[in-house]
N, C-alpha and C. Protein backbone atom coordinates (compact mmCIF):
# COMPACT_ATOMS: atom_id res chain seq x y z
N MET A 1 -8.79 -10.71 -7.39
CA MET A 1 -9.08 -9.65 -6.22
C MET A 1 -8.33 -7.95 -6.73
N ARG A 2 -8.89 -7.34 -6.38
CA ARG A 2 -8.08 -5.86 -5.96
C ARG A 2 -7.94 -5.54 -4.93
N LEU A 3 -7.03 -4.96 -4.06
CA LEU A 3 -7.51 -4.79 -2.89
C LEU A 3 -7.37 -3.53 -2.95
N ARG A 4 -7.57 -2.54 -1.82
CA ARG A 4 -7.74 -0.57 -2.44
C ARG A 4 -7.99 -0.89 -0.86
N ARG A 5 -6.90 0.26 -0.21
CA ARG A 5 -7.46 1.25 0.93
C ARG A 5 -8.78 1.83 0.96
N ALA A 6 -9.53 2.15 0.55
CA ALA A 6 -10.55 2.92 0.20
C ALA A 6 -11.68 2.25 -0.19
N HIS A 7 -11.21 0.70 -0.20
CA HIS A 7 -12.13 0.01 -0.56
C HIS A 7 -12.75 -1.12 1.28
N CYS A 8 -11.71 -0.97 1.85
CA CYS A 8 -11.46 -2.36 3.07
C CYS A 8 -12.28 -1.45 4.01
N THR A 9 -13.10 -2.22 4.99
CA THR A 9 -13.50 -1.93 5.93
C THR A 9 -12.38 -2.28 6.82
N THR A 10 -13.30 -1.23 8.30
CA THR A 10 -12.22 -1.00 9.07
C THR A 10 -11.68 -2.58 10.07
N THR A 11 -12.29 -3.98 9.86
CA THR A 11 -12.35 -5.69 10.16
C THR A 11 -10.97 -5.69 9.02
N GLU A 12 -11.15 -5.44 7.81
CA GLU A 12 -10.98 -6.11 7.37
C GLU A 12 -9.60 -5.76 7.09
N LEU A 13 -9.02 -4.46 7.62
CA LEU A 13 -7.94 -3.26 7.51
C LEU A 13 -7.36 -3.83 8.80
N ARG A 14 -8.16 -4.48 9.99
CA ARG A 14 -7.63 -4.65 11.37
C ARG A 14 -7.34 -6.10 11.48
N ALA A 15 -7.46 -6.70 10.45
CA ALA A 15 -7.00 -7.88 10.28
C ALA A 15 -5.87 -8.23 9.46
N TRP A 16 -5.24 -7.23 8.08
CA TRP A 16 -4.51 -7.60 6.95
C TRP A 16 -3.71 -6.74 7.99
N THR A 17 -2.70 -5.83 8.41
CA THR A 17 -1.91 -5.09 8.82
C THR A 17 -2.25 -4.86 10.79
N ALA A 18 -3.19 -5.18 11.09
CA ALA A 18 -3.49 -5.03 12.89
C ALA A 18 -3.12 -3.33 13.07
N LEU A 19 -3.12 -2.55 12.06
CA LEU A 19 -4.23 -0.98 11.88
C LEU A 19 -5.44 -1.32 12.40
N THR A 20 -5.99 0.21 12.66
CA THR A 20 -7.36 0.74 12.95
C THR A 20 -6.98 1.75 11.43
N GLY A 21 -8.37 1.81 11.21
CA GLY A 21 -8.41 3.15 10.17
C GLY A 21 -8.00 3.92 10.26
N PRO A 22 -8.35 4.83 11.86
CA PRO A 22 -7.06 6.13 12.15
C PRO A 22 -6.31 5.88 12.10
N GLN A 23 -5.31 5.01 12.64
CA GLN A 23 -4.01 4.48 12.19
C GLN A 23 -3.52 4.99 11.73
N MET A 24 -3.95 4.32 10.11
CA MET A 24 -3.68 3.90 9.37
C MET A 24 -3.22 5.27 8.06
N HIS A 25 -4.25 5.94 8.69
CA HIS A 25 -4.67 7.43 8.09
C HIS A 25 -3.71 8.30 8.78
N HIS A 26 -3.78 7.91 9.58
CA HIS A 26 -2.28 9.02 10.55
C HIS A 26 -1.27 8.99 9.36
N LEU A 27 -1.00 6.97 9.43
CA LEU A 27 0.20 6.85 9.29
C LEU A 27 0.56 7.39 7.45
N VAL A 28 -0.81 7.36 6.29
CA VAL A 28 -0.68 7.74 5.45
C VAL A 28 0.27 9.36 5.26
N ARG A 29 -0.69 10.19 6.24
CA ARG A 29 -0.49 11.78 6.61
C ARG A 29 0.82 12.11 6.80
N GLN A 30 1.44 11.20 7.34
CA GLN A 30 2.36 11.70 7.87
C GLN A 30 3.60 10.98 6.94
N LEU A 31 3.20 10.14 6.31
CA LEU A 31 4.62 9.65 5.07
C LEU A 31 4.20 11.15 3.65
N TRP A 32 2.79 11.42 3.63
CA TRP A 32 3.30 11.59 2.64
C TRP A 32 3.77 13.65 3.05
N GLU A 33 3.60 13.61 4.06
CA GLU A 33 4.66 14.94 4.64
C GLU A 33 5.93 15.11 3.61
N ILE A 34 6.35 13.69 4.75
CA ILE A 34 7.61 13.53 4.67
C ILE A 34 8.16 13.19 2.72
N ALA A 35 7.57 12.64 2.39
CA ALA A 35 7.38 12.52 1.04
C ALA A 35 6.36 12.72 -0.31
N PRO A 36 5.92 13.77 -0.33
CA PRO A 36 5.25 13.16 -1.31
C PRO A 36 4.97 12.97 -2.94
N ASP A 37 3.73 13.17 -3.41
CA ASP A 37 4.35 12.83 -4.63
C ASP A 37 4.53 14.10 -5.43
N THR A 38 5.29 14.36 -6.25
CA THR A 38 5.78 15.25 -6.83
C THR A 38 4.82 15.31 -8.19
N GLY A 39 4.62 13.65 -9.00
CA GLY A 39 3.87 14.37 -9.85
C GLY A 39 5.12 14.58 -11.28
N ARG A 40 5.80 14.07 -10.75
CA ARG A 40 7.02 14.84 -12.09
C ARG A 40 7.43 12.81 -12.47
N GLY A 41 7.29 12.91 -13.89
CA GLY A 41 7.66 11.08 -14.03
C GLY A 41 6.44 10.23 -14.21
N ARG A 42 6.47 9.45 -14.79
CA ARG A 42 5.65 8.33 -15.26
C ARG A 42 4.98 8.71 -13.99
N PRO A 43 3.08 8.28 -13.58
CA PRO A 43 2.37 8.09 -12.48
C PRO A 43 2.70 7.04 -12.08
N TRP A 44 2.28 6.41 -11.07
CA TRP A 44 2.28 4.76 -10.64
C TRP A 44 1.41 4.81 -10.61
N ALA A 45 1.07 3.33 -10.40
CA ALA A 45 0.29 2.44 -10.53
C ALA A 45 -0.78 2.19 -9.89
N LEU A 46 -0.41 2.79 -8.19
CA LEU A 46 -1.59 2.36 -7.33
C LEU A 46 -1.31 3.79 -6.27
N PRO A 47 -2.56 4.30 -5.94
CA PRO A 47 -2.27 5.80 -5.35
C PRO A 47 -1.88 5.39 -4.22
N PHE A 48 -1.19 6.84 -4.08
CA PHE A 48 -0.35 6.89 -2.26
C PHE A 48 -0.83 5.71 -1.77
N ALA A 49 -2.19 6.37 -1.19
CA ALA A 49 -2.81 5.15 0.06
C ALA A 49 -2.36 3.37 -0.36
N ASP A 50 -2.64 3.24 -1.82
CA ASP A 50 -2.63 1.87 -1.34
C ASP A 50 -1.13 1.66 -1.88
N ARG A 51 -0.39 2.03 -2.18
CA ARG A 51 1.12 1.64 -1.40
C ARG A 51 1.76 1.64 -0.35
N VAL A 52 1.23 2.83 0.60
CA VAL A 52 0.84 2.56 2.64
C VAL A 52 0.62 1.28 2.42
N LEU A 53 -0.34 0.51 2.31
CA LEU A 53 -1.27 0.52 2.49
C LEU A 53 -0.21 -2.12 1.81
N LEU A 54 0.60 -1.17 0.67
CA LEU A 54 1.01 -2.26 0.24
C LEU A 54 2.37 -2.96 0.83
N ILE A 55 3.09 -1.51 0.55
CA ILE A 55 4.14 -2.47 2.07
C ILE A 55 3.91 -2.17 3.43
N VAL A 56 2.96 -2.38 3.90
CA VAL A 56 2.58 -2.47 4.85
C VAL A 56 1.94 -3.89 4.83
N LEU A 57 1.61 -4.41 4.33
CA LEU A 57 1.35 -5.95 3.75
C LEU A 57 2.77 -7.31 3.90
N ALA A 58 3.84 -5.70 3.18
CA ALA A 58 4.61 -6.55 2.72
C ALA A 58 5.91 -7.44 4.09
N TYR A 59 5.81 -6.11 5.10
CA TYR A 59 6.44 -6.83 5.69
C TYR A 59 5.67 -6.87 7.27
N ARG A 60 4.82 -6.85 7.08
CA ARG A 60 3.58 -8.17 7.93
C ARG A 60 2.73 -9.37 7.69
N THR A 61 3.30 -9.69 6.61
CA THR A 61 2.22 -11.07 5.63
C THR A 61 3.48 -11.66 5.40
N ASN A 62 4.81 -11.02 4.97
CA ASN A 62 5.84 -10.99 4.32
C ASN A 62 5.64 -12.18 3.07
N LEU A 63 4.64 -11.61 2.64
CA LEU A 63 3.71 -12.49 0.97
C LEU A 63 5.15 -11.92 0.14
N THR A 64 5.21 -12.86 -1.16
CA THR A 64 5.93 -12.47 -1.93
C THR A 64 5.36 -11.66 -3.11
N MET A 65 6.42 -10.70 -3.74
CA MET A 65 6.30 -10.03 -4.85
C MET A 65 4.76 -10.25 -5.67
N GLN A 66 5.04 -11.48 -6.08
CA GLN A 66 3.75 -12.38 -7.25
C GLN A 66 2.34 -11.94 -6.34
N GLN A 67 2.71 -12.70 -5.09
CA GLN A 67 1.06 -12.79 -4.28
C GLN A 67 0.78 -10.94 -3.87
N LEU A 68 1.84 -10.54 -3.66
CA LEU A 68 1.19 -8.64 -3.31
C LEU A 68 1.06 -8.47 -4.63
N GLY A 69 1.22 -8.44 -5.77
CA GLY A 69 0.95 -7.87 -7.41
C GLY A 69 -0.35 -8.42 -8.01
N THR A 70 -0.75 -9.57 -7.50
CA THR A 70 -1.69 -9.85 -7.93
C THR A 70 -2.70 -9.66 -6.99
N LEU A 71 -2.77 -10.09 -5.37
CA LEU A 71 -3.73 -8.86 -4.47
C LEU A 71 -4.08 -7.43 -4.56
N PHE A 72 -2.73 -6.84 -5.41
CA PHE A 72 -3.34 -5.48 -6.09
C PHE A 72 -3.55 -5.09 -7.04
N GLY A 73 -3.52 -6.30 -7.97
CA GLY A 73 -4.16 -6.74 -9.40
C GLY A 73 -2.60 -5.16 -10.06
N VAL A 74 -1.68 -5.70 -9.46
CA VAL A 74 -0.27 -4.67 -10.43
C VAL A 74 0.78 -5.96 -10.88
N SER A 75 1.36 -5.38 -11.40
CA SER A 75 2.56 -6.73 -11.72
C SER A 75 3.67 -7.00 -10.61
N HIS A 76 4.73 -8.46 -10.37
CA HIS A 76 4.93 -7.82 -9.23
C HIS A 76 6.03 -6.89 -9.18
N ALA A 77 7.02 -7.10 -10.79
CA ALA A 77 7.66 -5.62 -11.03
C ALA A 77 7.09 -4.19 -9.66
N ALA A 78 5.82 -4.07 -10.28
CA ALA A 78 5.30 -2.62 -9.80
C ALA A 78 4.97 -2.88 -8.22
N ALA A 79 4.71 -3.86 -7.72
CA ALA A 79 4.59 -4.26 -6.26
C ALA A 79 6.65 -4.46 -6.20
N HIS A 80 7.18 -4.52 -7.04
CA HIS A 80 8.46 -4.93 -5.80
C HIS A 80 9.25 -3.34 -5.97
N ARG A 81 9.01 -2.65 -7.02
CA ARG A 81 9.04 -1.04 -7.08
C ARG A 81 9.07 -0.15 -6.08
N VAL A 82 7.86 -0.52 -4.95
CA VAL A 82 6.73 0.14 -4.59
C VAL A 82 7.62 -0.19 -2.79
N VAL A 83 7.81 -1.23 -2.79
CA VAL A 83 8.95 -1.57 -1.75
C VAL A 83 9.99 -1.54 -1.83
N ALA A 84 10.40 -1.26 -2.95
CA ALA A 84 11.89 -1.01 -2.96
C ALA A 84 12.23 0.05 -2.98
N LEU A 85 11.21 0.75 -3.44
CA LEU A 85 11.41 2.73 -2.53
C LEU A 85 11.38 2.96 -1.32
N ARG A 86 9.97 2.57 -0.72
CA ARG A 86 9.73 2.95 1.01
C ARG A 86 10.57 3.85 1.17
């Protein structure tokens, strides 16, 4: 299973994060304004919106990095880098 922000229905997003679609979109926009991807260095394994979703899920559900990595289809190390960077 690969969880992606673009493929989540409103019901799934609400169940996982307790945020509505517009709230999640607003959060992604605000975070992008604070720290946008500059395009330098090695590209991320996940798009920006998916990284935000991963961080929200990490704090909301308290899943392990191994579980988050499996859920998003990345390694546990990649999931940890996303959460550690915040």
